[in-house]
N, C-alpha and C. Protein backbone atom coordinates (compact mmCIF):
# COMPACT_ATOMS: atom_id res chain seq x y z
N UNK A 1 0.51 -1.22 -0.08
CA UNK A 1 0.00 -0.45 -0.03
C UNK A 1 0.93 1.46 -0.32
N UNK A 2 2.08 1.04 -0.16
CA UNK A 2 3.27 2.21 -0.64
C UNK A 2 2.93 3.54 -1.39
N UNK A 3 2.51 4.20 -1.15
CA UNK A 3 2.38 5.64 -2.30
C UNK A 3 3.37 6.33 -2.05
N UNK A 4 3.49 7.45 -3.01
CA UNK A 4 5.05 8.63 -2.40
C UNK A 4 4.63 9.24 -0.87
N UNK A 5 3.15 9.29 -0.74
CA UNK A 5 2.82 10.24 0.57
C UNK A 5 2.95 9.11 1.83
N UNK A 6 3.31 7.96 2.11
CA UNK A 6 3.27 7.07 2.79
C UNK A 6 4.72 6.51 2.97
N UNK A 7 5.73 6.96 1.69
CA UNK A 7 7.30 6.61 1.58
C UNK A 7 7.79 7.14 3.04
N UNK A 8 7.73 8.03 3.44
CA UNK A 8 8.28 8.30 4.81
C UNK A 8 7.79 7.30 6.26
N UNK A 9 6.71 7.19 6.31
CA UNK A 9 6.02 6.29 7.39
C UNK A 9 7.12 4.48 6.92
N UNK A 10 6.72 4.39 5.77
CA UNK A 10 7.51 3.37 5.53
C UNK A 10 9.02 3.35 6.19
N UNK A 11 9.56 4.07 5.55
CA UNK A 11 11.02 4.40 6.15
C UNK A 11 11.40 4.44 7.55
N UNK A 12 10.05 5.27 8.78
CA UNK A 12 10.45 5.01 9.58
C UNK A 12 10.00 3.76 10.37
N UNK A 13 9.14 3.00 9.69
CA UNK A 13 8.72 1.61 10.43
C UNK A 13 10.32 0.82 9.72
N UNK A 14 10.59 0.65 9.04
CA UNK A 14 11.95 -0.15 8.71
C UNK A 14 13.15 0.14 9.40
N UNK A 15 13.20 1.62 10.08
CA UNK A 15 14.44 1.85 10.63
C UNK A 15 14.24 1.69 11.97
N UNK A 16 13.39 2.29 12.57
CA UNK A 16 12.76 2.74 13.84
C UNK A 16 12.82 1.34 14.55
N UNK A 17 13.59 1.01 15.97
CA UNK A 17 13.28 -0.04 16.52
C UNK A 17 11.54 -0.44 16.87
N UNK A 18 11.18 -1.33 16.60
CA UNK A 18 9.56 -0.93 17.08
C UNK A 18 9.81 -1.11 18.50
N UNK A 19 10.41 -1.37 19.59
CA UNK A 19 10.21 -1.16 20.98
C UNK A 19 9.95 0.42 21.17
N UNK A 20 9.97 1.19 19.80
CA UNK A 20 10.11 2.41 20.56
C UNK A 20 8.53 3.25 19.96
N UNK A 21 7.91 2.67 19.61
CA UNK A 21 6.88 3.09 18.37
C UNK A 21 5.30 3.38 19.18
N UNK A 22 4.81 4.02 20.10
CA UNK A 22 3.84 3.84 20.94
C UNK A 22 2.80 4.25 20.15
N UNK A 23 1.30 3.90 20.47
CA UNK A 23 0.28 5.32 19.79
C UNK A 23 -0.91 4.23 20.35
N UNK A 24 -2.01 5.39 20.50
CA UNK A 24 -2.89 4.79 20.98
C UNK A 24 -4.05 4.06 20.08
N UNK A 25 -4.59 2.98 20.95
CA UNK A 25 -5.68 2.21 20.39
C UNK A 25 -5.73 2.50 19.23
N UNK A 26 -6.54 3.51 18.84
CA UNK A 26 -7.29 4.39 18.16
C UNK A 26 -6.37 3.95 16.64
N UNK A 27 -5.04 3.81 16.82
CA UNK A 27 -4.52 3.98 15.38
C UNK A 27 -4.38 2.72 14.49
N UNK A 28 -5.05 1.42 15.36
CA UNK A 28 -5.42 0.21 14.59
C UNK A 28 -6.78 -0.02 13.87
N UNK A 29 -7.62 1.12 14.35
CA UNK A 29 -8.79 1.39 13.59
C UNK A 29 -8.47 2.21 12.60
N UNK A 30 -7.48 3.43 12.68
CA UNK A 30 -7.18 4.04 11.43
C UNK A 30 -6.79 3.28 10.79
N UNK A 31 -5.78 2.60 10.80
CA UNK A 31 -5.13 1.66 10.02
C UNK A 31 -5.75 0.80 9.11
N UNK A 32 -6.98 0.15 9.73
CA UNK A 32 -7.85 -0.50 9.10
C UNK A 32 -8.99 0.13 8.24
N UNK A 33 -8.86 1.15 8.40
CA UNK A 33 -10.12 2.00 7.54
C UNK A 33 -9.14 2.09 6.12
N UNK A 34 -7.86 2.59 6.68
CA UNK A 34 -6.84 3.03 5.50
C UNK A 34 -6.85 2.00 4.34
N UNK A 35 -6.66 0.35 5.17
CA UNK A 35 -6.74 -0.27 4.28
C UNK A 35 -7.58 -0.80 3.50
N UNK A 36 -9.28 -0.72 3.97
CA UNK A 36 -10.48 -1.04 3.42
C UNK A 36 -10.50 0.11 2.35
N UNK A 37 -9.96 1.43 2.00
CA UNK A 37 -10.16 2.37 1.82
C UNK A 37 -9.57 1.94 -0.25
N UNK A 38 -8.13 1.48 0.71
CA UNK A 38 -6.98 0.92 -0.62
C UNK A 38 -7.58 0.05 -1.26
N UNK A 39 -8.57 -1.24 -0.27
CA UNK A 39 -8.75 -2.27 -0.84
C UNK A 39 -10.15 -2.06 -2.11
N UNK A 40 -10.66 -0.99 -1.47
CA UNK A 40 -11.84 -0.71 -2.40
C UNK A 40 -11.76 0.09 -3.74
N UNK A 41 -10.70 0.86 -3.37
CA UNK A 41 -9.76 1.72 -4.47
C UNK A 41 -8.86 0.64 -5.60
N UNK A 42 -8.98 -0.64 -5.23
CA UNK A 42 -8.42 -1.51 -5.93
C UNK A 42 -6.46 -1.60 -5.81
N UNK A 43 -6.38 -0.66 -4.99
CA UNK A 43 -4.52 -0.46 -4.64
C UNK A 43 -4.14 -1.83 -3.85
N UNK A 44 -4.84 -2.74 -3.08
CA UNK A 44 -4.10 -3.79 -2.30
C UNK A 44 -5.31 -4.84 -2.75
N UNK A 45 -4.91 -6.00 -2.38
CA UNK A 45 -5.40 -7.31 -2.81
C UNK A 45 -6.40 -7.48 -1.52
N UNK A 46 -7.29 -8.42 -1.88
CA UNK A 46 -8.24 -9.13 -0.28
C UNK A 46 -7.17 -9.88 0.67
N UNK A 47 -6.17 -10.35 0.25
CA UNK A 47 -5.66 -10.71 1.21
C UNK A 47 -4.90 -9.90 1.75
N UNK A 48 -4.25 -8.81 1.65
CA UNK A 48 -3.63 -7.64 1.96
C UNK A 48 -4.36 -6.70 2.89
N UNK A 49 -5.50 -6.73 2.56
CA UNK A 49 -6.48 -6.01 3.06
C UNK A 49 -6.57 -6.89 4.44
N UNK A 50 -6.83 -8.19 4.43
CA UNK A 50 -7.11 -9.05 5.44
C UNK A 50 -6.22 -9.11 6.24
N UNK A 51 -4.61 -9.02 5.86
CA UNK A 51 -3.52 -9.17 7.05
C UNK A 51 -3.21 -8.05 7.66
N UNK A 52 -3.91 -6.82 7.19
CA UNK A 52 -3.88 -5.44 8.37
C UNK A 52 -4.43 -5.84 9.92
N UNK A 53 -5.34 -6.44 10.16
CA UNK A 53 -5.84 -6.53 11.31
C UNK A 53 -4.72 -7.71 11.87
N UNK A 54 -4.06 -8.33 11.46
CA UNK A 54 -3.28 -9.27 12.29
C UNK A 54 -1.90 -8.62 12.17
N UNK A 55 -1.51 -7.84 11.00
CA UNK A 55 -0.13 -7.04 11.13
C UNK A 55 -0.22 -5.83 12.04
N UNK A 56 -1.43 -4.80 11.91
CA UNK A 56 -1.23 -3.56 12.38
C UNK A 56 -0.68 -3.58 14.18
N UNK A 57 -1.34 -4.75 14.65
CA UNK A 57 -0.57 -4.67 16.37
C UNK A 57 0.76 -4.59 16.61
N UNK A 58 1.37 -5.55 15.46
CA UNK A 58 2.84 -5.57 15.99
C UNK A 58 3.50 -4.93 15.27
N UNK A 59 3.13 -3.45 15.10
CA UNK A 59 4.01 -2.24 14.60
C UNK A 59 4.36 -1.72 15.69
N UNK A 60 3.71 -1.66 16.72
CA UNK A 60 3.79 -0.97 18.34
C UNK A 60 4.20 -1.68 19.13
N UNK A 61 5.01 -1.19 20.15
CA UNK A 61 5.31 -2.30 21.20
C UNK A 61 4.27 -1.91 22.19
N UNK A 62 3.64 -0.51 21.97
CA UNK A 62 2.41 -0.27 23.06
C UNK A 62 1.04 0.25 22.50
N UNK A 63 0.46 0.03 22.89
CA UNK A 63 -1.06 0.72 22.14
C UNK A 63 -1.72 1.02 23.28
N UNK A 64 -1.83 2.32 23.78
CA UNK A 64 -2.30 2.98 24.74
C UNK A 64 -4.19 3.18 24.97
N UNK A 65 -4.71 2.64 25.95
CA UNK A 65 -6.06 2.86 25.69
C UNK A 65 -6.50 4.88 25.53
N UNK A 66 -7.19 4.95 25.07
CA UNK A 66 -7.78 6.12 24.62
C UNK A 66 -8.47 6.93 25.99
N UNK A 67 -9.23 6.02 26.66
CA UNK A 67 -9.75 6.94 28.06
C UNK A 67 -8.26 7.01 28.75
N UNK A 68 -7.09 6.51 28.66
CA UNK A 68 -6.08 7.37 30.04
C UNK A 68 -5.84 8.42 28.83
N UNK A 69 -6.19 9.14 27.87
CA UNK A 69 -5.53 9.91 27.04
C UNK A 69 -6.67 11.31 27.02
N UNK A 70 -7.79 10.67 27.20
CA UNK A 70 -9.21 11.76 26.75
C UNK A 70 -8.77 13.25 27.48
N UNK A 71 -8.80 13.43 29.02
CA UNK A 71 -8.67 14.37 29.29
C UNK A 71 -7.38 15.36 28.86
N UNK A 72 -6.23 15.12 28.24
CA UNK A 72 -5.30 15.81 27.92
C UNK A 72 -5.27 16.01 26.42
N UNK A 73 -6.30 14.79 25.69
CA UNK A 73 -6.75 15.56 24.24
C UNK A 73 -7.63 16.25 24.10
N UNK A 74 -8.55 16.25 25.38
CA UNK A 74 -9.49 17.27 25.08
C UNK A 74 -8.93 19.15 25.40
N UNK A 75 -8.10 18.55 26.66
CA UNK A 75 -7.34 20.19 26.51
C UNK A 75 -6.72 20.27 25.28
N UNK A 76 -5.79 19.92 24.62
CA UNK A 76 -5.24 20.01 23.34
C UNK A 76 -6.15 20.25 22.14
N UNK A 77 -7.19 19.58 21.83
CA UNK A 77 -8.11 19.94 21.17
C UNK A 77 -8.64 21.16 21.22
N UNK A 78 -9.41 21.35 22.23
CA UNK A 78 -9.56 23.17 22.46
C UNK A 78 -8.91 23.86 22.49
N UNK A 79 -7.59 23.96 22.89
CA UNK A 79 -6.39 24.84 22.86
C UNK A 79 -5.89 25.01 21.16
N UNK A 80 -5.88 24.19 20.22
CA UNK A 80 -5.32 23.81 19.39
C UNK A 80 -6.51 24.17 18.29
N UNK A 81 -7.78 24.09 18.73
CA UNK A 81 -9.29 24.16 17.91
C UNK A 81 -8.79 23.19 16.64
N UNK A 82 -8.53 21.86 16.93
CA UNK A 82 -8.30 20.77 16.08
C UNK A 82 -8.68 19.63 16.89
N UNK A 83 -9.00 18.74 15.62
CA UNK A 83 -9.82 17.34 16.06
C UNK A 83 -9.23 16.48 17.44
N UNK A 84 -10.47 16.10 17.98
CA UNK A 84 -9.84 15.19 19.34
C UNK A 84 -9.18 13.98 18.78
N UNK A 85 -9.63 13.13 18.04
CA UNK A 85 -8.75 12.09 17.47
C UNK A 85 -7.73 12.65 17.38
N UNK A 86 -6.90 13.49 16.70
CA UNK A 86 -5.51 13.62 16.31
C UNK A 86 -5.01 14.37 17.83
N UNK A 87 -5.37 14.77 18.36
CA UNK A 87 -5.06 15.47 20.03
C UNK A 87 -4.76 13.90 20.60
N UNK A 88 -4.95 12.65 20.66
CA UNK A 88 -4.94 11.88 21.37
C UNK A 88 -3.33 11.31 21.17
N UNK A 89 -3.11 11.24 19.87
CA UNK A 89 -1.93 11.03 19.73
C UNK A 89 -0.65 12.29 20.18
N UNK A 90 -1.38 13.98 20.26
CA UNK A 90 -0.60 14.72 20.69
C UNK A 90 -0.18 14.29 22.57
N UNK A 91 -1.59 13.80 22.85
CA UNK A 91 -1.36 13.99 24.45
C UNK A 91 -0.78 12.70 25.07
N UNK A 92 -0.39 11.60 24.06
CA UNK A 92 0.42 10.59 24.30
C UNK A 92 1.61 10.82 24.47
N UNK A 93 2.18 11.53 23.24
CA UNK A 93 3.02 12.50 22.95
C UNK A 93 3.41 12.72 24.33
N UNK A 94 3.02 13.99 24.87
CA UNK A 94 2.97 14.85 25.86
C UNK A 94 3.05 13.64 27.60
N UNK A 95 2.30 12.22 27.73
CA UNK A 95 2.34 12.17 28.45
C UNK A 95 3.40 11.05 28.61
N UNK A 96 4.19 11.00 27.77
CA UNK A 96 5.42 10.08 27.56
C UNK A 96 6.73 10.96 27.43
N UNK A 97 6.38 12.06 27.47
CA UNK A 97 7.64 13.02 26.95
C UNK A 97 8.28 12.64 25.77
N UNK A 98 7.60 11.69 24.54
CA UNK A 98 8.51 12.00 23.49
C UNK A 98 7.66 12.66 22.32
N UNK A 99 8.65 12.81 21.01
CA UNK A 99 7.68 13.59 20.30
C UNK A 99 6.63 12.95 19.41
N UNK A 100 6.02 13.52 19.18
CA UNK A 100 4.23 13.32 18.16
C UNK A 100 5.06 13.21 16.50
N UNK A 101 5.04 11.70 15.73
CA UNK A 101 5.83 12.28 14.87
C UNK A 101 4.50 11.98 13.95
N UNK A 102 4.34 13.14 12.88
CA UNK A 102 3.27 13.40 12.35
C UNK A 102 3.36 13.64 10.46
N UNK A 103 2.93 13.64 9.76
CA UNK A 103 2.61 14.69 8.81
C UNK A 103 1.47 15.42 8.41
N UNK A 104 0.67 15.63 9.22
CA UNK A 104 -0.42 16.54 9.27
C UNK A 104 -0.15 17.54 9.66
N UNK A 105 0.23 18.13 8.13
CA UNK A 105 0.46 19.65 8.21
C UNK A 105 -0.21 20.52 8.85
N UNK A 106 -1.63 20.66 8.86
CA UNK A 106 -2.25 21.53 9.71
C UNK A 106 -2.35 21.55 11.33
N UNK A 107 -1.72 19.95 11.83
CA UNK A 107 -1.58 20.07 13.26
C UNK A 107 -0.21 20.56 13.62
N UNK A 108 0.81 20.55 12.94
CA UNK A 108 2.04 20.98 13.05
C UNK A 108 2.41 22.64 12.81
N UNK A 109 1.08 23.53 12.06
CA UNK A 109 1.25 24.41 12.22
C UNK A 109 0.90 24.94 13.12
N UNK A 110 -0.65 24.25 13.79
CA UNK A 110 -1.28 24.88 14.69
C UNK A 110 -0.20 24.76 16.04
N UNK A 111 0.70 23.58 16.11
CA UNK A 111 1.41 23.83 17.23
C UNK A 111 2.60 24.16 17.29
N UNK A 112 3.51 24.72 16.16
CA UNK A 112 4.08 25.73 15.88
C UNK A 112 3.98 27.03 16.20
N UNK A 113 2.25 27.59 16.24
CA UNK A 113 2.14 28.75 16.51
C UNK A 113 1.99 28.83 18.07
N UNK A 114 1.93 27.58 19.23
CA UNK A 114 1.53 27.40 20.26
C UNK A 114 3.24 27.25 21.05
N UNK A 115 3.24 28.29 21.88
CA UNK A 115 4.37 28.37 22.68
C UNK A 115 4.40 27.68 23.85
N UNK A 116 3.20 26.54 23.91
CA UNK A 116 3.48 25.59 25.31
C UNK A 116 3.86 24.58 24.37
N UNK A 117 3.65 24.27 23.03
CA UNK A 117 3.86 23.06 22.38
C UNK A 117 5.52 23.36 21.37
N UNK A 118 6.44 23.77 21.96
CA UNK A 118 7.62 23.89 20.94
C UNK A 118 7.97 23.02 21.39
N UNK A 119 8.71 22.42 20.21
CA UNK A 119 9.07 20.77 20.18
C UNK A 119 8.57 19.69 20.57
N UNK A 120 7.13 19.56 20.50
CA UNK A 120 6.72 18.49 20.83
C UNK A 120 6.24 17.65 19.76
N UNK A 121 6.37 18.29 18.15
CA UNK A 121 6.06 17.21 17.05
C UNK A 121 7.45 17.43 15.92
N UNK A 122 7.29 16.39 15.58
CA UNK A 122 8.34 16.03 14.20
C UNK A 122 7.37 16.13 13.20
N UNK A 123 8.14 16.73 11.93
CA UNK A 123 7.57 16.30 10.69
C UNK A 123 7.72 15.49 10.05
N UNK A 124 7.17 13.93 9.90
CA UNK A 124 7.60 12.50 9.57
C UNK A 124 8.50 12.83 8.43
N UNK A 125 8.19 13.79 7.42
CA UNK A 125 8.74 14.37 5.98
C UNK A 125 10.65 14.51 6.44
N UNK A 126 10.40 15.09 7.36
CA UNK A 126 11.89 15.88 7.88
C UNK A 126 12.59 14.70 8.54
N UNK A 127 12.25 13.17 8.61
CA UNK A 127 13.09 12.39 9.08
C UNK A 127 13.77 11.25 8.07
């Protein structure tokens, strides 16, 4: 399912030690939905789509329940005026004192404008 837009993510997954990748459990649903869209568009086979449910959880060393992140995600969502589901990832980065790695330019732009969010995120395309 690699495309020019996904190439930086593929490079990250191939080079980054899996023990260091954390995400909210929501990521599994997002990956499955992206796979469904790719399957519907004919970009991946039915077999590849079926493999996502098994492979996706193994990409991460830890999947954090969303409930633990909701208060901080709500705060960030309000502060940045940005969708709450994206802010779950930001809340996790904040809680674990690690960088949020994203290609979401809208979120990156909002974070750059917030003095309390300096250095919290890294643009995936810069890695």
